[in-house]
C-alpha atoms as a PDB file:
ATOM      1  CA  MET A   1      -0.022  -0.058   0.074  1.00  0.00           C
ATOM      2  CA  GLU A   2       1.155   3.348  -0.888  1.00  0.00           C
ATOM      3  CA  ALA A   3       1.646   5.826   1.781  1.00  0.00           C
ATOM      4  CA  GLN A   4      -0.712   8.696   1.235  1.00  0.00           C
ATOM      5  CA  GLN A   5       1.015  12.088   1.369  1.00  0.00           C
ATOM      6  CA  PRO A   6      -0.545  14.356   3.880  1.00  0.00           C
ATOM      7  CA  THR A   7      -2.386  17.126   2.199  1.00  0.00           C
ATOM      8  CA  TYR A   8      -1.910  20.638   3.734  1.00  0.00           C
ATOM      9  CA  SER A   9      -4.426  23.365   3.065  1.00  0.00           C
ATOM     10  CA  GLN A  10      -3.405  26.550   1.569  1.00  0.00           C
ATOM     11  CA  PRO A  11      -3.804  29.329   4.219  1.00  0.00           C
ATOM     12  CA  VAL A  12      -6.295  31.867   2.673  1.00  0.00           C
ATOM     13  CA  TYR A  13      -4.959  35.433   2.758  1.00  0.00           C
ATOM     14  CA  PRO A  14      -7.253  38.431   2.735  1.00  0.00           C
ATOM     15  CA  PRO A  15      -7.157  40.195  -0.614  1.00  0.00           C
ATOM     16  CA  ARG A  16      -4.322  43.078  -0.915  1.00  0.00           C
ATOM     17  CA  ARG A  17      -6.001  46.280   0.030  1.00  0.00           C
ATOM     18  CA  TRP A  18      -2.935  48.316   0.276  1.00  0.00           C
ATOM     19  CA  PRO A  19      -2.684  49.126  -3.274  1.00  0.00           C
ATOM     20  CA  TRP A  20      -6.186  50.647  -3.364  1.00  0.00           C
ATOM     21  CA  VAL A  21      -5.337  52.612  -0.002  1.00  0.00           C
ATOM     22  CA  VAL A  22      -2.375  54.053  -1.579  1.00  0.00           C
ATOM     23  CA  GLY A  23      -4.155  55.069  -4.731  1.00  0.00           C
ATOM     24  CA  ALA A  24      -6.889  56.482  -2.943  1.00  0.00           C
ATOM     25  CA  VAL A  25      -4.251  58.647  -0.814  1.00  0.00           C
ATOM     26  CA  ALA A  26      -2.510  59.734  -3.793  1.00  0.00           C
ATOM     27  CA  ALA A  27      -5.937  60.790  -5.540  1.00  0.00           C
ATOM     28  CA  ILE A  28      -6.942  62.915  -2.557  1.00  0.00           C
ATOM     29  CA  THR A  29      -3.618  64.383  -2.344  1.00  0.00           C
ATOM     30  CA  ILE A  30      -3.551  65.307  -6.199  1.00  0.00           C
ATOM     31  CA  ALA A  31      -7.310  66.701  -5.730  1.00  0.00           C
ATOM     32  CA  GLY A  32      -6.225  68.809  -2.674  1.00  0.00           C
ATOM     33  CA  PHE A  33      -3.257  70.206  -4.681  1.00  0.00           C
ATOM     34  CA  LEU A  34      -5.154  71.127  -7.866  1.00  0.00           C
ATOM     35  CA  VAL A  35      -7.836  72.855  -5.541  1.00  0.00           C
ATOM     36  CA  TRP A  36      -5.073  74.879  -4.047  1.00  0.00           C
ATOM     37  CA  PHE A  37      -3.280  75.637  -7.340  1.00  0.00           C
ATOM     38  CA  PHE A  38      -6.540  76.776  -9.263  1.00  0.00           C
ATOM     39  CA  ALA A  39      -8.536  78.132  -6.613  1.00  0.00           C
ATOM     40  CA  ILE A  40      -6.915  79.120  -3.370  1.00  0.00           C
ATOM     41  CA  ARG A  41      -3.128  80.168  -4.006  1.00  0.00           C
ATOM     42  CA  ASP A  42      -2.124  83.826  -4.698  1.00  0.00           C
ATOM     43  CA  THR A  43      -0.443  84.207  -7.653  1.00  0.00           C
ATOM     44  CA  GLY A  44       0.251  87.663  -7.507  1.00  0.00           C
ATOM     45  CA  SER A  45      -1.366  88.779 -10.780  1.00  0.00           C
ATOM     46  CA  ASP A  46      -4.434  89.911  -9.251  1.00  0.00           C
ATOM     47  CA  ASN A  47      -2.365  92.543  -7.193  1.00  0.00           C
ATOM     48  CA  THR A  48      -0.486  94.408  -9.747  1.00  0.00           C
ATOM     49  CA  VAL A  49      -2.300  96.927 -11.907  1.00  0.00           C
ATOM     50  CA  HIS A  50      -0.757  97.541 -15.229  1.00  0.00           C
ATOM     51  CA  GLY A  51      -1.229 100.718 -17.354  1.00  0.00           C
ATOM     52  CA  PRO A  52      -2.165 100.684 -20.984  1.00  0.00           C
ATOM     53  CA  SER A  53       0.358 100.332 -23.693  1.00  0.00           C
ATOM     54  CA  GLY A  54       0.428 104.362 -24.605  1.00  0.00           C
ATOM     55  CA  ALA A  55       1.105 104.879 -20.859  1.00  0.00           C
ATOM     56  CA  PRO A  56       2.858 101.972 -19.448  1.00  0.00           C
ATOM     57  CA  PHE A  57       3.225 101.671 -15.607  1.00  0.00           C
ATOM     58  CA  SER A  58       2.621  99.277 -12.703  1.00  0.00           C
ATOM     59  CA  LEU A  59       1.759  99.580  -9.110  1.00  0.00           C
ATOM     60  CA  THR A  60       1.197  96.985  -6.442  1.00  0.00           C
ATOM     61  CA  VAL A  61      -2.364  96.868  -4.674  1.00  0.00           C
ATOM     62  CA  PRO A  62      -2.667  95.327  -1.079  1.00  0.00           C
ATOM     63  CA  SER A  63      -5.421  93.186  -0.038  1.00  0.00           C
ATOM     64  CA  GLY A  64      -8.545  95.042   0.822  1.00  0.00           C
ATOM     65  CA  TRP A  65      -7.981  97.142  -2.309  1.00  0.00           C
ATOM     66  CA  ARG A  66      -9.030  96.640  -5.837  1.00  0.00           C
ATOM     67  CA  ALA A  67      -8.719  98.286  -9.300  1.00  0.00           C
ATOM     68  CA  LEU A  68     -11.666  99.223 -11.325  1.00  0.00           C
ATOM     69  CA  SER A  69     -12.314  97.149 -14.468  1.00  0.00           C
ATOM     70  CA  GLN A  70     -11.902  98.787 -18.184  1.00  0.00           C
ATOM     71  CA  ASP A  71     -15.903  99.064 -18.049  1.00  0.00           C
ATOM     72  CA  GLU A  72     -15.866 100.926 -14.753  1.00  0.00           C
ATOM     73  CA  LEU A  73     -12.814 103.061 -15.784  1.00  0.00           C
ATOM     74  CA  SER A  74     -14.509 104.208 -19.084  1.00  0.00           C
ATOM     75  CA  GLN A  75     -17.494 105.706 -16.617  1.00  0.00           C
ATOM     76  CA  GLN A  76     -15.132 107.790 -14.517  1.00  0.00           C
ATOM     77  CA  PRO A  77     -14.810 111.541 -15.162  1.00  0.00           C
ATOM     78  CA  GLY A  78     -11.403 112.890 -16.641  1.00  0.00           C
ATOM     79  CA  SER A  79     -10.504 109.412 -18.439  1.00  0.00           C
ATOM     80  CA  PRO A  80      -8.104 107.920 -15.467  1.00  0.00           C
ATOM     81  CA  LEU A  81      -5.460 105.383 -16.595  1.00  0.00           C
ATOM     82  CA  ALA A  82      -6.366 103.400 -13.358  1.00  0.00           C
ATOM     83  CA  VAL A  83      -8.590 103.654 -10.215  1.00  0.00           C
ATOM     84  CA  VAL A  84      -7.553 101.695  -7.303  1.00  0.00           C
ATOM     85  CA  GLN A  85     -10.167 101.701  -4.350  1.00  0.00           C
ATOM     86  CA  GLN A  86     -10.774 100.228  -0.869  1.00  0.00           C
ATOM     87  CA  THR A  87     -13.058  97.376  -1.181  1.00  0.00           C
ATOM     88  CA  ASP A  88     -14.528  98.182   2.401  1.00  0.00           C
ATOM     89  CA  GLY A  89     -13.899 101.950   2.727  1.00  0.00           C
ATOM     90  CA  ALA A  90     -13.907 105.091   0.767  1.00  0.00           C
ATOM     91  CA  GLY A  91     -10.413 105.431   0.057  1.00  0.00           C
ATOM     92  CA  VAL A  92      -9.105 105.793  -3.713  1.00  0.00           C
ATOM     93  CA  VAL A  93      -5.828 106.114  -5.629  1.00  0.00           C
ATOM     94  CA  ILE A  94      -6.292 107.599  -9.071  1.00  0.00           C
ATOM     95  CA  VAL A  95      -3.590 107.363 -11.769  1.00  0.00           C
ATOM     96  CA  ASN A  96      -3.617 109.705 -14.719  1.00  0.00           C
ATOM     97  CA  THR A  97      -1.188 111.241 -17.285  1.00  0.00           C
ATOM     98  CA  GLN A  98      -0.330 114.896 -18.245  1.00  0.00           C
ATOM     99  CA  PRO A  99       1.423 116.345 -21.063  1.00  0.00           C
ATOM    100  CA  PRO A 100       5.350 116.523 -20.546  1.00  0.00           C
ATOM    101  CA  THR A 101       7.141 119.567 -19.604  1.00  0.00           C
ATOM    102  CA  ASN A 102      10.421 121.183 -19.520  1.00  0.00           C
ATOM    103  CA  ALA A 103      10.059 122.241 -15.945  1.00  0.00           C
ATOM    104  CA  SER A 104      11.960 120.979 -13.017  1.00  0.00           C
ATOM    105  CA  ILE A 105      10.529 118.699 -10.613  1.00  0.00           C
ATOM    106  CA  THR A 106      10.582 121.483  -7.932  1.00  0.00           C
ATOM    107  CA  ALA A 107       9.245 123.943 -10.226  1.00  0.00           C
ATOM    108  CA  LEU A 108       6.399 121.507 -11.205  1.00  0.00           C
ATOM    109  CA  GLY A 109       5.609 121.147  -7.674  1.00  0.00           C
ATOM    110  CA  LYS A 110       5.373 124.575  -6.820  1.00  0.00           C
ATOM    111  CA  GLU A 111       3.114 125.231 -10.134  1.00  0.00           C
ATOM    112  CA  VAL A 112       0.646 122.350  -8.877  1.00  0.00           C
ATOM    113  CA  GLN A 113       0.669 123.812  -5.298  1.00  0.00           C
ATOM    114  CA  LYS A 114      -0.499 127.121  -6.820  1.00  0.00           C
ATOM    115  CA  GLN A 115      -2.982 125.710  -8.986  1.00  0.00           C
ATOM    116  CA  LEU A 116      -4.452 123.781  -6.016  1.00  0.00           C
ATOM    117  CA  LYS A 117      -4.759 126.792  -3.906  1.00  0.00           C
ATOM    118  CA  GLN A 118      -6.533 128.700  -6.460  1.00  0.00           C
ATOM    119  CA  LYS A 119      -8.968 125.910  -7.739  1.00  0.00           C
ATOM    120  CA  THR A 120      -9.923 124.183  -4.389  1.00  0.00           C
ATOM    121  CA  SER A 121     -11.866 126.382  -2.037  1.00  0.00           C
ATOM    122  CA  ASP A 122     -11.299 124.105   1.126  1.00  0.00           C
ATOM    123  CA  TYR A 123      -7.503 123.372   0.365  1.00  0.00           C
ATOM    124  CA  LYS A 124      -5.267 123.432   3.460  1.00  0.00           C
ATOM    125  CA  PHE A 125      -1.764 122.531   2.797  1.00  0.00           C
ATOM    126  CA  ILE A 126      -0.087 120.041   4.879  1.00  0.00           C
ATOM    127  CA  GLY A 127       3.483 119.542   3.129  1.00  0.00           C
ATOM    128  CA  SER A 128       5.499 118.687   0.254  1.00  0.00           C
ATOM    129  CA  SER A 129       8.521 116.486  -0.294  1.00  0.00           C
ATOM    130  CA  THR A 130      10.398 114.604  -3.009  1.00  0.00           C
ATOM    131  CA  LEU A 131      10.209 110.863  -3.177  1.00  0.00           C
ATOM    132  CA  ASN A 132      12.167 108.036  -4.786  1.00  0.00           C
ATOM    133  CA  LEU A 133       9.962 105.788  -6.437  1.00  0.00           C
ATOM    134  CA  PRO A 134      10.761 102.745  -8.733  1.00  0.00           C
ATOM    135  CA  ALA A 135       9.826 105.017 -11.520  1.00  0.00           C
ATOM    136  CA  GLY A 136      12.322 107.789 -10.637  1.00  0.00           C
ATOM    137  CA  GLN A 137      12.306 110.888  -8.358  1.00  0.00           C
ATOM    138  CA  ALA A 138       8.864 112.534  -7.615  1.00  0.00           C
ATOM    139  CA  VAL A 139       7.277 115.333  -5.969  1.00  0.00           C
ATOM    140  CA  GLN A 140       4.396 114.824  -2.978  1.00  0.00           C
ATOM    141  CA  ILE A 141       2.103 117.343  -2.045  1.00  0.00           C
ATOM    142  CA  SER A 142      -0.179 116.543   0.894  1.00  0.00           C
ATOM    143  CA  TYR A 143      -3.302 118.838   1.736  1.00  0.00           C
ATOM    144  CA  ALA A 144      -6.674 118.424   3.491  1.00  0.00           C
ATOM    145  CA  ARG A 145     -10.051 119.244   2.030  1.00  0.00           C
ATOM    146  CA  THR A 146     -11.550 121.048   5.027  1.00  0.00           C
ATOM    147  CA  LYS A 147     -15.165 120.844   3.790  1.00  0.00           C
ATOM    148  CA  ALA A 148     -14.883 117.640   2.053  1.00  0.00           C
ATOM    149  CA  GLY A 149     -13.374 115.886   4.988  1.00  0.00           C
ATOM    150  CA  THR A 150     -10.470 114.225   3.131  1.00  0.00           C
ATOM    151  CA  ALA A 151      -6.672 113.712   3.329  1.00  0.00           C
ATOM    152  CA  ASN A 152      -5.206 114.080  -0.128  1.00  0.00           C
ATOM    153  CA  THR A 153      -1.715 113.228  -1.601  1.00  0.00           C
ATOM    154  CA  LEU A 154      -0.949 114.265  -5.025  1.00  0.00           C
ATOM    155  CA  VAL A 155       2.203 112.610  -6.454  1.00  0.00           C
ATOM    156  CA  ILE A 156       3.792 113.835  -9.791  1.00  0.00           C
ATOM    157  CA  VAL A 157       6.273 111.513 -11.379  1.00  0.00           C
ATOM    158  CA  PRO A 158       8.021 112.487 -14.694  1.00  0.00           C
ATOM    159  CA  ALA A 159       8.640 109.175 -16.273  1.00  0.00           C
ATOM    160  CA  GLY A 160       8.570 107.543 -19.707  1.00  0.00           C
ATOM    161  CA  GLY A 161       8.371 110.876 -21.579  1.00  0.00           C
ATOM    162  CA  ARG A 162       5.309 112.019 -19.735  1.00  0.00           C
ATOM    163  CA  ILE A 163       4.085 113.153 -16.390  1.00  0.00           C
ATOM    164  CA  TYR A 164       2.101 110.568 -14.217  1.00  0.00           C
ATOM    165  CA  THR A 165       0.050 111.965 -11.315  1.00  0.00           C
ATOM    166  CA  LEU A 166      -1.066 109.782  -8.675  1.00  0.00           C
ATOM    167  CA  ASN A 167      -4.026 111.097  -6.485  1.00  0.00           C
ATOM    168  CA  ALA A 168      -4.603 109.392  -3.245  1.00  0.00           C
ATOM    169  CA  ILE A 169      -8.133 110.682  -1.391  1.00  0.00           C
ATOM    170  CA  ILE A 170      -8.667 109.323   2.031  1.00  0.00           C
ATOM    171  CA  PRO A 171     -11.669 109.887   4.466  1.00  0.00           C
ATOM    172  CA  GLY A 172      -9.991 112.263   7.357  1.00  0.00           C
ATOM    173  CA  GLY A 173      -8.907 110.171  10.208  1.00  0.00           C
ATOM    174  CA  ASP A 174      -8.283 106.870   8.528  1.00  0.00           C
ATOM    175  CA  LYS A 175      -4.850 106.349   9.212  1.00  0.00           C
ATOM    176  CA  LYS A 176      -4.552 102.807   7.900  1.00  0.00           C
ATOM    177  CA  ALA A 177      -5.948 103.878   4.507  1.00  0.00           C
ATOM    178  CA  VAL A 178      -3.506 106.555   4.457  1.00  0.00           C
ATOM    179  CA  GLU A 179      -0.518 104.123   5.025  1.00  0.00           C
ATOM    180  CA  GLU A 180      -2.006 101.481   2.386  1.00  0.00           C
ATOM    181  CA  ALA A 181      -2.460 104.306  -0.061  1.00  0.00           C
ATOM    182  CA  ILE A 182       1.049 105.607   0.348  1.00  0.00           C
ATOM    183  CA  GLY A 183       2.309 101.989   0.053  1.00  0.00           C
ATOM    184  CA  ILE A 184       0.636 101.805  -3.206  1.00  0.00           C
ATOM    185  CA  VAL A 185       2.088 105.033  -4.483  1.00  0.00           C
ATOM    186  CA  ARG A 186       5.599 103.800  -3.419  1.00  0.00           C
ATOM    187  CA  THR A 187       5.309 101.058  -5.790  1.00  0.00           C
ATOM    188  CA  PHE A 188       4.757 103.129  -8.892  1.00  0.00           C
ATOM    189  CA  ASN A 189       7.055 102.247 -11.685  1.00  0.00           C
ATOM    190  CA  ALA A 190       6.781 103.185 -15.428  1.00  0.00           C
END
């Protein structure tokens, strides 16, 4: 009689689940990255305002401020190149351009002060100084509008064969908005 070989039963292993778990974790990670990349991250493109090709410039806008769209700009008086306004306040920075002049920056500043005093009935001069901006040397004239209740800063920047004006208008007493508006002006480049 032949010896019968013992039979051993093969152990039954549970199906391998770890490849599915790894795949699910990888898919969730990729989905999270895509949401961050396309919806959440700050690319910086939204906080830089660029001027038109005929009067190129750039300036950086902090959070809490926004640039008006081309449609909104076309409805503004005086045809500004750009208008940046507070999203939750009344502060505004208006960028415009003026014809070039041969006058020095000092003479230009004095002439503008004279015109402001003549044309603005509630003009109260605060101070004037020169600034060094990325676009070059500029003159800054700060004044208050007593009846309007605003603090105004007009910055005159000769650059790129033209004169740019940046007019910051802030409700009186809003020190944070004044600091932010000055920060916007200090980033001006042409």
